[in-house]
Amino acid sequence: MDYQTLTIRRDGNVEHVTLNRPEVRNAFNPRLIAELEDWARGVRVGRDVRVAVLAGAGPVFSAGADLAWMAETAAYTHERNLDDATRMAGMFEALDTLPVPLVGRVHGAALGGGSGLVAVCDIVVADEQTIFGFTEVKLGILPAVISPYVLAKIGRSAARELFLTGARFPATRAREIGLVHAVTSADQLQPTVAAYVRELCTAGPEAVRAAKQTIREVSSRLGHEPVTALTAEAIAARRVSAEGQEGIRAFLEKRNPKWVE
């Protein structure tokens, strides 16, 4: 695939993947989703990639869904929304099952699906000024597709607070709940990522792959396959609901939704 929304750079046995839509704060659209999944599916044993680093170009890691795409989904049928959500679920599943460690280099903001990307990273380093949020309920929808990965990271208690309020929270809070592993000043972000990368490269690559697989199997013997269908259906239903339609319209029109007095 000819990538238009990602930049890929190899540095020895480390692959650097950068979301490259800075003009829209690296927001998701169908092209970015397809390219991320294509890249993740292409990382296979034998390519001599030991570690991958995921970052965002410009001032923000990822602000979630693209506004133009959101406007389109508001007019989709339930079936079209289900197909759309299933594709996104496939992307997250591919990233989560990457056969090499995925290190997140996070700055600026990681909102909605952007925080979902943080959740599928094995190790996350965040700039101390980064803002996080599972903000979907503010639009009358929900963080369904990302929920298996976020719950695995932060647990039910934190998810209840943050999913239900949609509140934004700082990097220090993200570290407290396990979404982020290290919080640094802006000038120490890259050195801290580099230190993790060096540490990962000292481990046996086969042992690392086996460890990742063991974590997945032990934490959820059922796997994510039954869950992805459930979550895709959940978000598709919300997108075509009256409340979801109103929330998305209000967001695009820069006004409060009707349920906010």
Protein backbone atom coordinates (compact mmCIF):
# COMPACT_ATOMS: atom_id res chain seq x y z
CA MET A 1 0.00 0.00 0.00
CA ASP A 2 1.20 3.52 -0.82
CA TYR A 3 0.89 5.28 2.53
CA GLN A 4 -0.55 8.78 2.46
CA THR A 5 -1.35 9.26 6.16
CA LEU A 6 1.65 7.52 7.72
CA THR A 7 5.38 8.00 7.50
CA ILE A 8 7.53 4.92 8.11
CA ARG A 9 11.21 5.14 8.98
CA ARG A 10 13.61 2.33 9.81
CA ASP A 11 16.50 2.91 12.17
CA GLY A 12 18.36 -0.38 12.37
CA ASN A 13 15.91 -2.86 13.86
CA VAL A 14 13.52 -0.16 15.10
CA GLU A 15 10.58 0.94 12.95
CA HIS A 16 9.19 4.42 13.53
CA VAL A 17 5.55 4.90 12.51
CA THR A 18 4.20 8.44 12.55
CA LEU A 19 0.60 9.49 12.07
CA ASN A 20 0.99 12.16 9.41
CA ARG A 21 -2.18 14.24 9.24
CA PRO A 22 -1.06 17.20 11.35
CA GLU A 23 -3.47 19.57 9.62
CA VAL A 24 -6.35 17.70 11.30
CA ARG A 25 -4.48 16.80 14.51
CA ASN A 26 -3.78 13.28 13.19
CA ALA A 27 -7.46 12.41 13.34
CA PHE A 28 -8.78 9.08 12.10
CA ASN A 29 -10.40 8.69 8.72
CA PRO A 30 -10.93 5.52 6.66
CA ARG A 31 -7.58 5.95 4.91
CA LEU A 32 -5.60 6.25 8.14
CA ILE A 33 -7.42 3.26 9.62
CA ALA A 34 -6.68 1.14 6.55
CA GLU A 35 -3.03 2.18 6.45
CA LEU A 36 -2.43 1.51 10.15
CA GLU A 37 -3.95 -1.95 9.82
CA ASP A 38 -1.97 -2.66 6.67
CA TRP A 39 1.25 -1.66 8.38
CA ALA A 40 0.48 -3.71 11.51
CA ARG A 41 -0.47 -6.82 9.51
CA GLY A 42 2.77 -6.46 7.56
CA VAL A 43 5.04 -6.61 10.62
CA ARG A 44 6.03 -10.23 10.66
CA VAL A 45 8.74 -12.30 12.23
CA GLY A 46 11.75 -12.37 9.93
CA ARG A 47 11.63 -8.70 8.85
CA ASP A 48 14.28 -7.92 11.48
CA VAL A 49 12.02 -5.41 13.26
CA ARG A 50 12.60 -5.70 17.00
CA VAL A 51 10.62 -2.67 18.22
CA ALA A 52 8.08 -0.25 16.72
CA VAL A 53 7.53 3.33 17.90
CA LEU A 54 4.18 5.04 17.25
CA ALA A 55 4.08 8.85 17.26
CA GLY A 56 2.12 11.75 15.80
CA ALA A 57 3.33 14.56 13.54
CA GLY A 58 2.71 18.17 14.54
CA PRO A 59 1.46 19.44 17.91
CA VAL A 60 -0.90 16.55 18.75
CA PHE A 61 -0.59 12.75 18.92
CA SER A 62 -4.18 12.11 17.81
CA ALA A 63 -7.41 13.98 18.41
CA GLY A 64 -9.67 11.04 17.58
CA ALA A 65 -12.13 11.03 14.70
CA ASP A 66 -11.81 13.36 11.72
CA LEU A 67 -14.60 15.96 11.64
CA ALA A 68 -15.32 15.38 7.96
CA TRP A 69 -15.53 11.64 8.56
CA MET A 70 -17.83 12.20 11.56
CA ALA A 71 -20.10 14.28 9.37
CA GLU A 72 -20.24 11.43 6.85
CA THR A 73 -20.97 8.75 9.45
CA ALA A 74 -23.93 10.77 10.72
CA ALA A 75 -25.61 10.06 7.39
CA TYR A 76 -24.60 6.37 7.19
CA THR A 77 -27.12 3.58 7.52
CA HIS A 78 -26.78 1.17 10.43
CA GLU A 79 -25.23 -1.40 8.08
CA ARG A 80 -22.69 1.12 6.75
CA ASN A 81 -21.80 2.20 10.27
CA LEU A 82 -21.37 -1.44 11.30
CA ASP A 83 -18.98 -2.06 8.41
CA ASP A 84 -17.12 1.14 9.26
CA ALA A 85 -16.77 0.22 12.94
CA THR A 86 -15.70 -3.32 12.08
CA ARG A 87 -12.84 -1.95 9.99
CA MET A 88 -11.70 0.19 12.91
CA ALA A 89 -11.96 -2.80 15.24
CA GLY A 90 -9.73 -4.73 12.85
CA MET A 91 -7.12 -1.98 12.99
CA PHE A 92 -7.00 -1.98 16.79
CA GLU A 93 -6.85 -5.78 16.87
CA ALA A 94 -3.92 -5.76 14.41
CA LEU A 95 -2.03 -3.22 16.52
CA ASP A 96 -2.78 -5.07 19.74
CA THR A 97 -1.46 -8.35 18.34
CA LEU A 98 1.67 -6.84 16.79
CA PRO A 99 4.44 -9.46 17.16
CA VAL A 100 6.96 -6.86 18.39
CA PRO A 101 6.75 -4.32 21.24
CA LEU A 102 4.88 -1.14 20.34
CA VAL A 103 6.10 1.97 22.15
CA GLY A 104 3.84 5.04 22.15
CA ARG A 105 5.44 8.49 21.99
CA VAL A 106 2.53 10.70 23.02
CA HIS A 107 2.27 14.47 23.16
CA GLY A 108 -0.27 17.27 22.91
CA ALA A 109 -3.52 15.33 23.11
CA ALA A 110 -4.83 11.79 22.78
CA LEU A 111 -8.62 11.94 22.65
CA GLY A 112 -11.24 9.32 21.81
CA GLY A 113 -9.67 6.86 19.41
CA GLY A 114 -6.34 8.57 20.06
CA SER A 115 -6.49 7.31 23.63
CA GLY A 116 -7.47 3.94 22.15
CA LEU A 117 -4.16 3.94 20.28
CA VAL A 118 -2.39 4.64 23.56
CA ALA A 119 -4.15 1.63 25.08
CA VAL A 120 -2.83 -0.81 22.46
CA CYS A 121 0.77 0.32 22.94
CA ASP A 122 2.83 -1.98 25.13
CA ILE A 123 4.79 0.90 26.64
CA VAL A 124 3.72 4.55 26.60
CA VAL A 125 5.80 7.65 27.27
CA ALA A 126 3.84 10.91 27.43
CA ASP A 127 4.77 14.57 27.53
CA GLU A 128 3.61 15.96 30.88
CA GLN A 129 1.40 18.50 29.07
CA THR A 130 -0.59 15.84 27.18
CA ILE A 131 -4.37 15.77 27.64
CA PHE A 132 -6.25 12.47 27.42
CA GLY A 133 -9.94 11.68 27.25
CA PHE A 134 -12.52 9.09 26.30
CA THR A 135 -14.81 11.87 25.14
CA GLU A 136 -17.30 9.93 23.02
CA VAL A 137 -20.29 10.27 25.40
CA LYS A 138 -20.07 14.03 24.97
CA LEU A 139 -21.17 13.35 21.38
CA GLY A 140 -23.90 10.90 22.36
CA ILE A 141 -21.85 7.89 21.23
CA LEU A 142 -19.47 5.63 23.17
CA PRO A 143 -15.90 4.28 23.19
CA ALA A 144 -17.04 0.82 22.17
CA VAL A 145 -14.41 -0.38 19.70
CA ILE A 146 -11.52 0.66 21.92
CA SER A 147 -13.12 -0.63 25.13
CA PRO A 148 -11.48 -4.12 25.22
CA TYR A 149 -8.02 -2.58 25.07
CA VAL A 150 -8.72 0.33 27.41
CA LEU A 151 -10.34 -1.90 30.02
CA ALA A 152 -7.36 -4.24 29.85
CA LYS A 153 -5.13 -1.24 30.57
CA ILE A 154 -7.01 0.79 33.17
CA GLY A 155 -9.62 -1.58 34.66
CA ARG A 156 -13.35 -1.23 35.23
CA SER A 157 -13.23 1.35 38.01
CA ALA A 158 -11.30 3.99 36.09
CA ALA A 159 -13.29 3.18 32.94
CA ARG A 160 -16.55 3.78 34.79
CA GLU A 161 -15.41 7.25 35.78
CA LEU A 162 -13.81 8.25 32.49
CA PHE A 163 -16.11 6.54 29.96
CA LEU A 164 -19.28 7.81 31.67
CA THR A 165 -18.17 11.40 32.21
CA GLY A 166 -16.15 11.80 29.02
CA ALA A 167 -13.92 14.09 31.08
CA ARG A 168 -10.45 15.04 29.88
CA PHE A 169 -7.56 14.26 32.20
CA PRO A 170 -3.84 15.03 32.45
CA ALA A 171 -0.85 12.80 31.86
CA THR A 172 -0.31 12.35 35.59
CA ARG A 173 -3.78 10.81 35.90
CA ALA A 174 -3.12 8.64 32.84
CA ARG A 175 -0.03 7.29 34.59
CA GLU A 176 -1.92 6.67 37.84
CA ILE A 177 -4.46 4.44 36.08
CA GLY A 178 -1.91 2.58 33.97
CA LEU A 179 -2.73 4.06 30.58
CA VAL A 180 0.72 5.64 30.48
CA HIS A 181 3.95 4.26 31.92
CA ALA A 182 6.23 7.31 31.99
CA VAL A 183 5.53 11.05 32.05
CA THR A 184 8.33 13.42 31.10
CA SER A 185 9.05 17.01 30.20
CA ALA A 186 8.96 17.80 26.49
CA ASP A 187 12.74 17.79 26.19
CA GLN A 188 13.00 14.36 27.81
CA LEU A 189 10.26 12.70 25.74
CA GLN A 190 12.51 11.36 22.99
CA PRO A 191 15.39 10.33 25.31
CA THR A 192 12.95 8.39 27.48
CA VAL A 193 11.45 6.63 24.46
CA ALA A 194 14.97 5.83 23.25
CA ALA A 195 15.87 4.35 26.65
CA TYR A 196 12.87 2.01 26.51
CA VAL A 197 13.77 1.02 22.96
CA ARG A 198 17.33 0.18 24.00
CA GLU A 199 16.05 -1.89 26.91
CA LEU A 200 13.64 -3.80 24.68
CA CYS A 201 16.41 -4.55 22.20
CA THR A 202 18.43 -6.28 24.92
CA ALA A 203 15.70 -8.90 25.38
CA GLY A 204 15.46 -12.07 23.31
CA PRO A 205 13.11 -11.33 20.37
CA GLU A 206 11.48 -14.76 20.53
CA ALA A 207 11.01 -14.42 24.28
CA VAL A 208 9.42 -10.98 23.83
CA ARG A 209 6.98 -12.32 21.25
CA ALA A 210 6.12 -15.24 23.51
CA ALA A 211 5.63 -12.89 26.46
CA LYS A 212 3.21 -10.72 24.49
CA GLN A 213 1.23 -13.77 23.43
CA THR A 214 1.16 -15.13 26.98
CA ILE A 215 -0.16 -11.82 28.32
CA ARG A 216 -3.02 -11.90 25.83
CA GLU A 217 -3.89 -15.54 26.41
CA VAL A 218 -3.73 -15.40 30.20
CA SER A 219 -5.61 -12.10 30.55
CA SER A 220 -8.46 -13.18 28.30
CA ARG A 221 -8.74 -16.78 27.20
CA LEU A 222 -11.75 -15.90 25.11
CA GLY A 223 -9.66 -13.55 22.97
CA HIS A 224 -11.05 -10.42 21.31
CA GLU A 225 -12.89 -12.03 18.39
CA PRO A 226 -16.34 -12.26 20.07
CA VAL A 227 -15.85 -8.81 21.59
CA THR A 228 -15.00 -6.95 18.39
CA ALA A 229 -18.34 -7.89 16.83
CA LEU A 230 -20.18 -6.77 19.96
CA THR A 231 -18.36 -3.43 20.15
CA ALA A 232 -18.75 -2.69 16.45
CA GLU A 233 -22.50 -3.28 16.74
CA ALA A 234 -22.66 -1.06 19.83
CA ILE A 235 -21.04 1.98 18.20
CA ALA A 236 -22.94 1.49 14.94
CA ALA A 237 -26.22 1.58 16.87
CA ARG A 238 -25.21 4.72 18.74
CA ARG A 239 -24.14 6.55 15.60
CA VAL A 240 -27.55 6.15 13.98
CA SER A 241 -29.48 6.82 17.20
CA ALA A 242 -31.28 10.15 17.63
CA GLU A 243 -28.98 11.12 20.47
CA GLY A 244 -25.84 10.15 18.58
CA GLN A 245 -27.00 12.11 15.54
CA GLU A 246 -27.72 15.15 17.70
CA GLY A 247 -24.37 14.90 19.49
CA ILE A 248 -22.38 14.69 16.30
CA ARG A 249 -24.33 17.53 14.68
CA ALA A 250 -23.84 19.71 17.75
CA PHE A 251 -20.11 19.03 17.75
CA LEU A 252 -19.78 19.85 14.06
CA GLU A 253 -21.90 22.99 14.49
CA LYS A 254 -19.85 24.04 17.55
CA ARG A 255 -22.85 24.23 19.87
CA ASN A 256 -24.07 22.41 22.94
CA PRO A 257 -26.18 19.31 22.28
CA LYS A 258 -29.83 19.48 23.30
CA TRP A 259 -29.24 17.52 26.49
CA VAL A 260 -26.95 20.27 27.85
CA GLU A 261 -29.05 22.99 29.42
